[in-house]
Amino acid sequence: MNVLVINAGSSSLKYQLFDMKTERILAKGMCDRIGLDGHLKHAPVSNGKPVFDNDMPLPTHAEAISAVIEKLTSEDYGVIGSLSEINAVGHRVVHGGRKYFGSALIDEGVLEALEDCIRLAPLHIPANLMGINACRASMPSVPQVAVFDTAFHYTIPESAYIYPIPYKYYEENDIRRYGFHGTSHRYVSAIALEHMDIKSGSSKLIT
């Protein structure tokens, strides 16, 4: 099973393609300076093919996704024969608002909720949506999953996530503390506990 992981930032797009049977990285790379002059670095890992590292026009994240797909499947730089070899796509999404506190299979309802989250993360959610929509257009039958940066922090108590401002801003505009970079905190904390041989339920770890 091959899983493509997409991390679309405000002006960049990072990606890795994993073979989940062997837990190997097949390829990885980054589209940078999206919306400016554009640059793509694509590195095949599994087959010894050369690295592609050149400037190229990337006016939006849609063109960046197209460039990534072309390199993943190209004769010179590719690691798969066609998109049919990609079984799932995971998208790092910066904000789940007050609705999503775990990973979600992307459907029209999730897309509608993400549109509503643009007001909470106006630099990042539009980029996330462009990456998701470009992948859905290229791979319409492949499951797409959103992994939310805010999900890790969902157990923050109300006394900590409510700001000392008029309560109506929370009720009407969803203004609260959410916590970010949750995917990183989750990984770092899990690996730290593993190295220290401590069960997560008995730890007081600070990341």
C-alpha atoms as a PDB file:
ATOM      1  CA  MET A   1       0.000   0.000   0.000  1.00  0.00           C
ATOM      2  CA  ASN A   2       1.452   3.357  -1.057  1.00  0.00           C
ATOM      3  CA  VAL A   3       0.425   6.514   0.807  1.00  0.00           C
ATOM      4  CA  LEU A   4       1.193  10.029  -0.444  1.00  0.00           C
ATOM      5  CA  VAL A   5       1.486  12.589   2.355  1.00  0.00           C
ATOM      6  CA  ILE A   6       0.972  16.255   1.464  1.00  0.00           C
ATOM      7  CA  ASN A   7       1.844  19.254   3.656  1.00  0.00           C
ATOM      8  CA  ALA A   8       0.651  22.406   1.883  1.00  0.00           C
ATOM      9  CA  GLY A   9       1.866  25.634   3.497  1.00  0.00           C
ATOM     10  CA  SER A  10       1.095  29.205   2.548  1.00  0.00           C
ATOM     11  CA  SER A  11       3.813  29.305  -0.158  1.00  0.00           C
ATOM     12  CA  SER A  12       5.242  25.785  -0.123  1.00  0.00           C
ATOM     13  CA  LEU A  13       4.242  22.139  -0.488  1.00  0.00           C
ATOM     14  CA  LYS A  14       6.177  19.270   1.080  1.00  0.00           C
ATOM     15  CA  TYR A  15       5.462  15.638   0.264  1.00  0.00           C
ATOM     16  CA  GLN A  16       6.587  12.063   0.867  1.00  0.00           C
ATOM     17  CA  LEU A  17       5.441   8.834  -0.727  1.00  0.00           C
ATOM     18  CA  PHE A  18       5.515   5.828   1.619  1.00  0.00           C
ATOM     19  CA  ASP A  19       5.356   2.110   0.981  1.00  0.00           C
ATOM     20  CA  MET A  20       3.415   1.126   4.091  1.00  0.00           C
ATOM     21  CA  LYS A  21       4.166  -2.607   3.755  1.00  0.00           C
ATOM     22  CA  THR A  22       7.877  -1.977   4.284  1.00  0.00           C
ATOM     23  CA  GLU A  23       7.524   1.461   5.955  1.00  0.00           C
ATOM     24  CA  ARG A  24      10.021   2.825   3.427  1.00  0.00           C
ATOM     25  CA  ILE A  25      10.051   6.280   1.887  1.00  0.00           C
ATOM     26  CA  LEU A  26       9.875   5.904  -1.890  1.00  0.00           C
ATOM     27  CA  ALA A  27      10.288   9.607  -2.712  1.00  0.00           C
ATOM     28  CA  LYS A  28      10.160  12.983  -1.051  1.00  0.00           C
ATOM     29  CA  GLY A  29      10.414  16.604  -2.035  1.00  0.00           C
ATOM     30  CA  MET A  30       9.319  20.178  -1.735  1.00  0.00           C
ATOM     31  CA  CYS A  31       7.739  22.820  -3.947  1.00  0.00           C
ATOM     32  CA  ASP A  32       8.926  26.224  -2.763  1.00  0.00           C
ATOM     33  CA  ARG A  33       8.162  29.840  -3.626  1.00  0.00           C
ATOM     34  CA  ILE A  34       4.672  28.987  -4.885  1.00  0.00           C
ATOM     35  CA  GLY A  35       3.059  32.097  -6.337  1.00  0.00           C
ATOM     36  CA  LEU A  36       6.456  33.704  -6.934  1.00  0.00           C
ATOM     37  CA  ASP A  37       9.131  32.215  -9.205  1.00  0.00           C
ATOM     38  CA  GLY A  38       8.665  28.583  -8.100  1.00  0.00           C
ATOM     39  CA  HIS A  39      11.114  25.778  -7.358  1.00  0.00           C
ATOM     40  CA  LEU A  40      10.777  21.982  -7.090  1.00  0.00           C
ATOM     41  CA  LYS A  41      13.175  19.561  -5.437  1.00  0.00           C
ATOM     42  CA  HIS A  42      12.135  15.941  -5.956  1.00  0.00           C
ATOM     43  CA  ALA A  43      14.250  13.118  -4.553  1.00  0.00           C
ATOM     44  CA  PRO A  44      13.611   9.455  -5.428  1.00  0.00           C
ATOM     45  CA  VAL A  45      14.747   7.379  -2.445  1.00  0.00           C
ATOM     46  CA  SER A  46      14.030   3.779  -3.370  1.00  0.00           C
ATOM     47  CA  ASN A  47      15.484   3.253  -6.836  1.00  0.00           C
ATOM     48  CA  GLY A  48      18.636   5.337  -7.215  1.00  0.00           C
ATOM     49  CA  LYS A  49      17.215   7.698  -9.840  1.00  0.00           C
ATOM     50  CA  PRO A  50      18.620  11.242  -9.921  1.00  0.00           C
ATOM     51  CA  VAL A  51      17.291  14.180  -7.900  1.00  0.00           C
ATOM     52  CA  PHE A  52      15.322  16.853  -9.752  1.00  0.00           C
ATOM     53  CA  ASP A  53      16.211  20.279  -8.319  1.00  0.00           C
ATOM     54  CA  ASN A  54      15.189  23.174 -10.564  1.00  0.00           C
ATOM     55  CA  ASP A  55      13.170  26.352 -10.792  1.00  0.00           C
ATOM     56  CA  MET A  56       9.812  26.013 -12.539  1.00  0.00           C
ATOM     57  CA  PRO A  57       6.591  28.045 -12.766  1.00  0.00           C
ATOM     58  CA  LEU A  58       4.306  27.263  -9.810  1.00  0.00           C
ATOM     59  CA  PRO A  59       1.651  29.990  -9.766  1.00  0.00           C
ATOM     60  CA  THR A  60      -0.628  28.056  -7.359  1.00  0.00           C
ATOM     61  CA  HIS A  61      -0.704  24.882  -5.290  1.00  0.00           C
ATOM     62  CA  ALA A  62      -2.671  23.198  -8.078  1.00  0.00           C
ATOM     63  CA  GLU A  63       0.330  23.481 -10.414  1.00  0.00           C
ATOM     64  CA  ALA A  64       2.587  22.307  -7.586  1.00  0.00           C
ATOM     65  CA  ILE A  65       0.513  19.118  -7.146  1.00  0.00           C
ATOM     66  CA  SER A  66       0.616  18.535 -10.901  1.00  0.00           C
ATOM     67  CA  ALA A  67       4.399  18.926 -10.899  1.00  0.00           C
ATOM     68  CA  VAL A  68       4.755  16.480  -7.996  1.00  0.00           C
ATOM     69  CA  ILE A  69       2.561  13.884  -9.713  1.00  0.00           C
ATOM     70  CA  GLU A  70       4.507  14.265 -12.947  1.00  0.00           C
ATOM     71  CA  LYS A  71       7.811  13.643 -11.180  1.00  0.00           C
ATOM     72  CA  LEU A  72       6.504  10.701  -9.134  1.00  0.00           C
ATOM     73  CA  THR A  73       5.426   8.929 -12.326  1.00  0.00           C
ATOM     74  CA  SER A  74       8.073  10.165 -14.798  1.00  0.00           C
ATOM     75  CA  GLU A  75      10.477   7.796 -16.545  1.00  0.00           C
ATOM     76  CA  ASP A  76      13.534   9.790 -15.476  1.00  0.00           C
ATOM     77  CA  TYR A  77      12.666  10.636 -11.846  1.00  0.00           C
ATOM     78  CA  GLY A  78       9.657   8.500 -10.948  1.00  0.00           C
ATOM     79  CA  VAL A  79       9.195   5.756  -8.371  1.00  0.00           C
ATOM     80  CA  ILE A  80       5.769   4.486  -9.503  1.00  0.00           C
ATOM     81  CA  GLY A  81       4.396   3.602 -12.902  1.00  0.00           C
ATOM     82  CA  SER A  82       1.093   5.453 -12.569  1.00  0.00           C
ATOM     83  CA  LEU A  83      -1.248   7.135 -10.091  1.00  0.00           C
ATOM     84  CA  SER A  84      -3.091   3.827  -9.717  1.00  0.00           C
ATOM     85  CA  GLU A  85      -0.234   2.762  -7.419  1.00  0.00           C
ATOM     86  CA  ILE A  86      -1.188   5.441  -4.868  1.00  0.00           C
ATOM     87  CA  ASN A  87      -3.752   3.944  -2.489  1.00  0.00           C
ATOM     88  CA  ALA A  88      -4.413   6.903  -0.194  1.00  0.00           C
ATOM     89  CA  VAL A  89      -3.455  10.544   0.278  1.00  0.00           C
ATOM     90  CA  GLY A  90      -2.987  12.166   3.674  1.00  0.00           C
ATOM     91  CA  HIS A  91      -3.172  15.965   4.008  1.00  0.00           C
ATOM     92  CA  ARG A  92      -1.801  17.918   6.932  1.00  0.00           C
ATOM     93  CA  VAL A  93      -4.476  20.543   7.631  1.00  0.00           C
ATOM     94  CA  VAL A  94      -3.613  23.369   9.978  1.00  0.00           C
ATOM     95  CA  HIS A  95      -7.051  23.901  11.547  1.00  0.00           C
ATOM     96  CA  GLY A  96     -10.078  21.777  12.359  1.00  0.00           C
ATOM     97  CA  GLY A  97     -12.005  24.517  14.143  1.00  0.00           C
ATOM     98  CA  ARG A  98     -14.395  23.388  16.879  1.00  0.00           C
ATOM     99  CA  LYS A  99     -15.678  20.489  14.766  1.00  0.00           C
ATOM    100  CA  TYR A 100     -12.755  18.141  14.040  1.00  0.00           C
ATOM    101  CA  PHE A 101     -10.630  16.672  16.818  1.00  0.00           C
ATOM    102  CA  GLY A 102      -9.341  13.640  14.910  1.00  0.00           C
ATOM    103  CA  SER A 103      -8.377  12.627  11.393  1.00  0.00           C
ATOM    104  CA  ALA A 104     -11.266  12.645   8.914  1.00  0.00           C
ATOM    105  CA  LEU A 105     -11.982  11.034   5.564  1.00  0.00           C
ATOM    106  CA  ILE A 106     -12.465  14.001   3.252  1.00  0.00           C
ATOM    107  CA  ASP A 107     -15.951  14.393   1.801  1.00  0.00           C
ATOM    108  CA  GLU A 108     -18.137  17.361   0.918  1.00  0.00           C
ATOM    109  CA  GLY A 109     -18.956  17.925   4.580  1.00  0.00           C
ATOM    110  CA  VAL A 110     -15.285  18.150   5.536  1.00  0.00           C
ATOM    111  CA  LEU A 111     -14.595  20.517   2.644  1.00  0.00           C
ATOM    112  CA  GLU A 112     -17.472  22.747   3.749  1.00  0.00           C
ATOM    113  CA  ALA A 113     -16.102  22.815   7.308  1.00  0.00           C
ATOM    114  CA  LEU A 114     -12.648  23.720   5.992  1.00  0.00           C
ATOM    115  CA  GLU A 115     -14.118  26.594   4.008  1.00  0.00           C
ATOM    116  CA  ASP A 116     -15.578  27.854   7.279  1.00  0.00           C
ATOM    117  CA  CYS A 117     -12.131  27.589   8.920  1.00  0.00           C
ATOM    118  CA  ILE A 118     -10.561  30.031   6.434  1.00  0.00           C
ATOM    119  CA  ARG A 119     -11.478  32.867   8.813  1.00  0.00           C
ATOM    120  CA  LEU A 120      -9.430  31.156  11.554  1.00  0.00           C
ATOM    121  CA  ALA A 121      -6.358  30.426   9.417  1.00  0.00           C
ATOM    122  CA  PRO A 122      -6.562  32.626   6.302  1.00  0.00           C
ATOM    123  CA  LEU A 123      -2.981  32.014   5.147  1.00  0.00           C
ATOM    124  CA  HIS A 124      -3.001  28.221   5.404  1.00  0.00           C
ATOM    125  CA  ILE A 125      -6.495  26.780   4.884  1.00  0.00           C
ATOM    126  CA  PRO A 126      -6.815  28.076   1.293  1.00  0.00           C
ATOM    127  CA  ALA A 127      -3.491  26.364   0.489  1.00  0.00           C
ATOM    128  CA  ASN A 128      -4.689  23.166   2.209  1.00  0.00           C
ATOM    129  CA  LEU A 129      -7.890  23.259   0.158  1.00  0.00           C
ATOM    130  CA  MET A 130      -6.043  23.788  -3.126  1.00  0.00           C
ATOM    131  CA  GLY A 131      -3.823  20.799  -2.369  1.00  0.00           C
ATOM    132  CA  ILE A 132      -6.818  18.638  -1.450  1.00  0.00           C
ATOM    133  CA  ASN A 133      -8.863  19.656  -4.487  1.00  0.00           C
ATOM    134  CA  ALA A 134      -5.937  19.141  -6.870  1.00  0.00           C
ATOM    135  CA  CYS A 135      -5.365  15.630  -5.517  1.00  0.00           C
ATOM    136  CA  ARG A 136      -9.086  14.804  -5.677  1.00  0.00           C
ATOM    137  CA  ALA A 137      -9.179  15.963  -9.302  1.00  0.00           C
ATOM    138  CA  SER A 138      -6.127  13.876 -10.243  1.00  0.00           C
ATOM    139  CA  MET A 139      -7.085  10.826  -8.157  1.00  0.00           C
ATOM    140  CA  PRO A 140     -10.899  10.924  -7.784  1.00  0.00           C
ATOM    141  CA  SER A 141     -11.231   7.331  -6.579  1.00  0.00           C
ATOM    142  CA  VAL A 142      -8.386   7.475  -4.038  1.00  0.00           C
ATOM    143  CA  PRO A 143      -9.329   8.096  -0.363  1.00  0.00           C
ATOM    144  CA  GLN A 144      -8.142  11.484   0.919  1.00  0.00           C
ATOM    145  CA  VAL A 145      -7.694  11.966   4.661  1.00  0.00           C
ATOM    146  CA  ALA A 146      -7.290  15.244   6.584  1.00  0.00           C
ATOM    147  CA  VAL A 147      -4.972  15.162   9.612  1.00  0.00           C
ATOM    148  CA  PHE A 148      -5.583  18.260  11.719  1.00  0.00           C
ATOM    149  CA  ASP A 149      -2.824  20.129  13.541  1.00  0.00           C
ATOM    150  CA  THR A 150      -5.311  21.158  16.217  1.00  0.00           C
ATOM    151  CA  ALA A 151      -6.478  17.602  16.970  1.00  0.00           C
ATOM    152  CA  PHE A 152      -3.664  16.682  19.371  1.00  0.00           C
ATOM    153  CA  HIS A 153      -4.683  19.455  21.779  1.00  0.00           C
ATOM    154  CA  TYR A 154      -8.401  18.638  21.984  1.00  0.00           C
ATOM    155  CA  THR A 155      -8.118  17.662  25.690  1.00  0.00           C
ATOM    156  CA  ILE A 156      -7.158  21.213  26.737  1.00  0.00           C
ATOM    157  CA  PRO A 157      -9.649  22.048  29.531  1.00  0.00           C
ATOM    158  CA  GLU A 158     -12.149  24.834  29.047  1.00  0.00           C
ATOM    159  CA  SER A 159     -10.462  26.896  31.749  1.00  0.00           C
ATOM    160  CA  ALA A 160      -7.329  26.934  29.570  1.00  0.00           C
ATOM    161  CA  TYR A 161      -8.803  27.360  26.096  1.00  0.00           C
ATOM    162  CA  ILE A 162     -11.255  30.195  26.869  1.00  0.00           C
ATOM    163  CA  TYR A 163      -9.555  33.594  26.529  1.00  0.00           C
ATOM    164  CA  PRO A 164     -10.288  36.380  29.064  1.00  0.00           C
ATOM    165  CA  ILE A 165     -12.279  38.361  26.485  1.00  0.00           C
ATOM    166  CA  PRO A 166     -16.054  38.714  25.990  1.00  0.00           C
ATOM    167  CA  TYR A 167     -17.532  35.201  25.787  1.00  0.00           C
ATOM    168  CA  LYS A 168     -19.567  36.094  22.703  1.00  0.00           C
ATOM    169  CA  TYR A 169     -16.382  35.961  20.596  1.00  0.00           C
ATOM    170  CA  TYR A 170     -16.067  32.276  21.451  1.00  0.00           C
ATOM    171  CA  GLU A 171     -19.747  31.561  20.876  1.00  0.00           C
ATOM    172  CA  GLU A 172     -20.142  33.585  17.669  1.00  0.00           C
ATOM    173  CA  ASN A 173     -16.639  33.549  16.116  1.00  0.00           C
ATOM    174  CA  ASP A 174     -14.988  30.397  17.540  1.00  0.00           C
ATOM    175  CA  ILE A 175     -12.194  32.471  19.107  1.00  0.00           C
ATOM    176  CA  ARG A 176     -10.387  30.234  21.618  1.00  0.00           C
ATOM    177  CA  ARG A 177      -7.034  28.606  22.200  1.00  0.00           C
ATOM    178  CA  TYR A 178      -6.710  25.604  19.874  1.00  0.00           C
ATOM    179  CA  GLY A 179      -3.036  24.632  20.016  1.00  0.00           C
ATOM    180  CA  PHE A 180      -1.046  24.061  16.843  1.00  0.00           C
ATOM    181  CA  HIS A 181       1.712  21.849  15.375  1.00  0.00           C
ATOM    182  CA  GLY A 182      -0.132  18.919  16.921  1.00  0.00           C
ATOM    183  CA  THR A 183       1.230  16.364  14.455  1.00  0.00           C
ATOM    184  CA  SER A 184       4.756  17.247  15.573  1.00  0.00           C
ATOM    185  CA  HIS A 185       3.878  17.231  19.285  1.00  0.00           C
ATOM    186  CA  ARG A 186       2.182  13.854  18.926  1.00  0.00           C
ATOM    187  CA  TYR A 187       5.196  12.300  17.216  1.00  0.00           C
ATOM    188  CA  VAL A 188       7.811  13.863  19.511  1.00  0.00           C
ATOM    189  CA  SER A 189       5.967  12.898  22.688  1.00  0.00           C
ATOM    190  CA  ALA A 190       5.348   9.314  21.511  1.00  0.00           C
ATOM    191  CA  ILE A 191       8.988   8.776  20.511  1.00  0.00           C
ATOM    192  CA  ALA A 192      10.252  10.332  23.757  1.00  0.00           C
ATOM    193  CA  LEU A 193       8.043   8.032  25.847  1.00  0.00           C
ATOM    194  CA  GLU A 194       9.175   5.050  23.782  1.00  0.00           C
ATOM    195  CA  HIS A 195      12.843   5.871  24.394  1.00  0.00           C
ATOM    196  CA  MET A 196      12.217   6.320  28.121  1.00  0.00           C
ATOM    197  CA  ASP A 197      10.023   3.174  28.289  1.00  0.00           C
ATOM    198  CA  ILE A 198       7.187   5.098  29.931  1.00  0.00           C
ATOM    199  CA  LYS A 199       3.492   4.444  29.352  1.00  0.00           C
ATOM    200  CA  SER A 200       1.714   7.536  28.032  1.00  0.00           C
ATOM    201  CA  GLY A 201      -1.006   7.404  30.683  1.00  0.00           C
ATOM    202  CA  SER A 202       1.507   7.807  33.509  1.00  0.00           C
ATOM    203  CA  SER A 203       3.679  10.548  32.001  1.00  0.00           C
ATOM    204  CA  LYS A 204       3.916  14.263  32.702  1.00  0.00           C
ATOM    205  CA  LEU A 205       5.914  14.991  29.567  1.00  0.00           C
ATOM    206  CA  ILE A 206       6.277  18.531  28.243  1.00  0.00           C
ATOM    207  CA  THR A 207       7.054  18.998  24.551  1.00  0.00           C
END
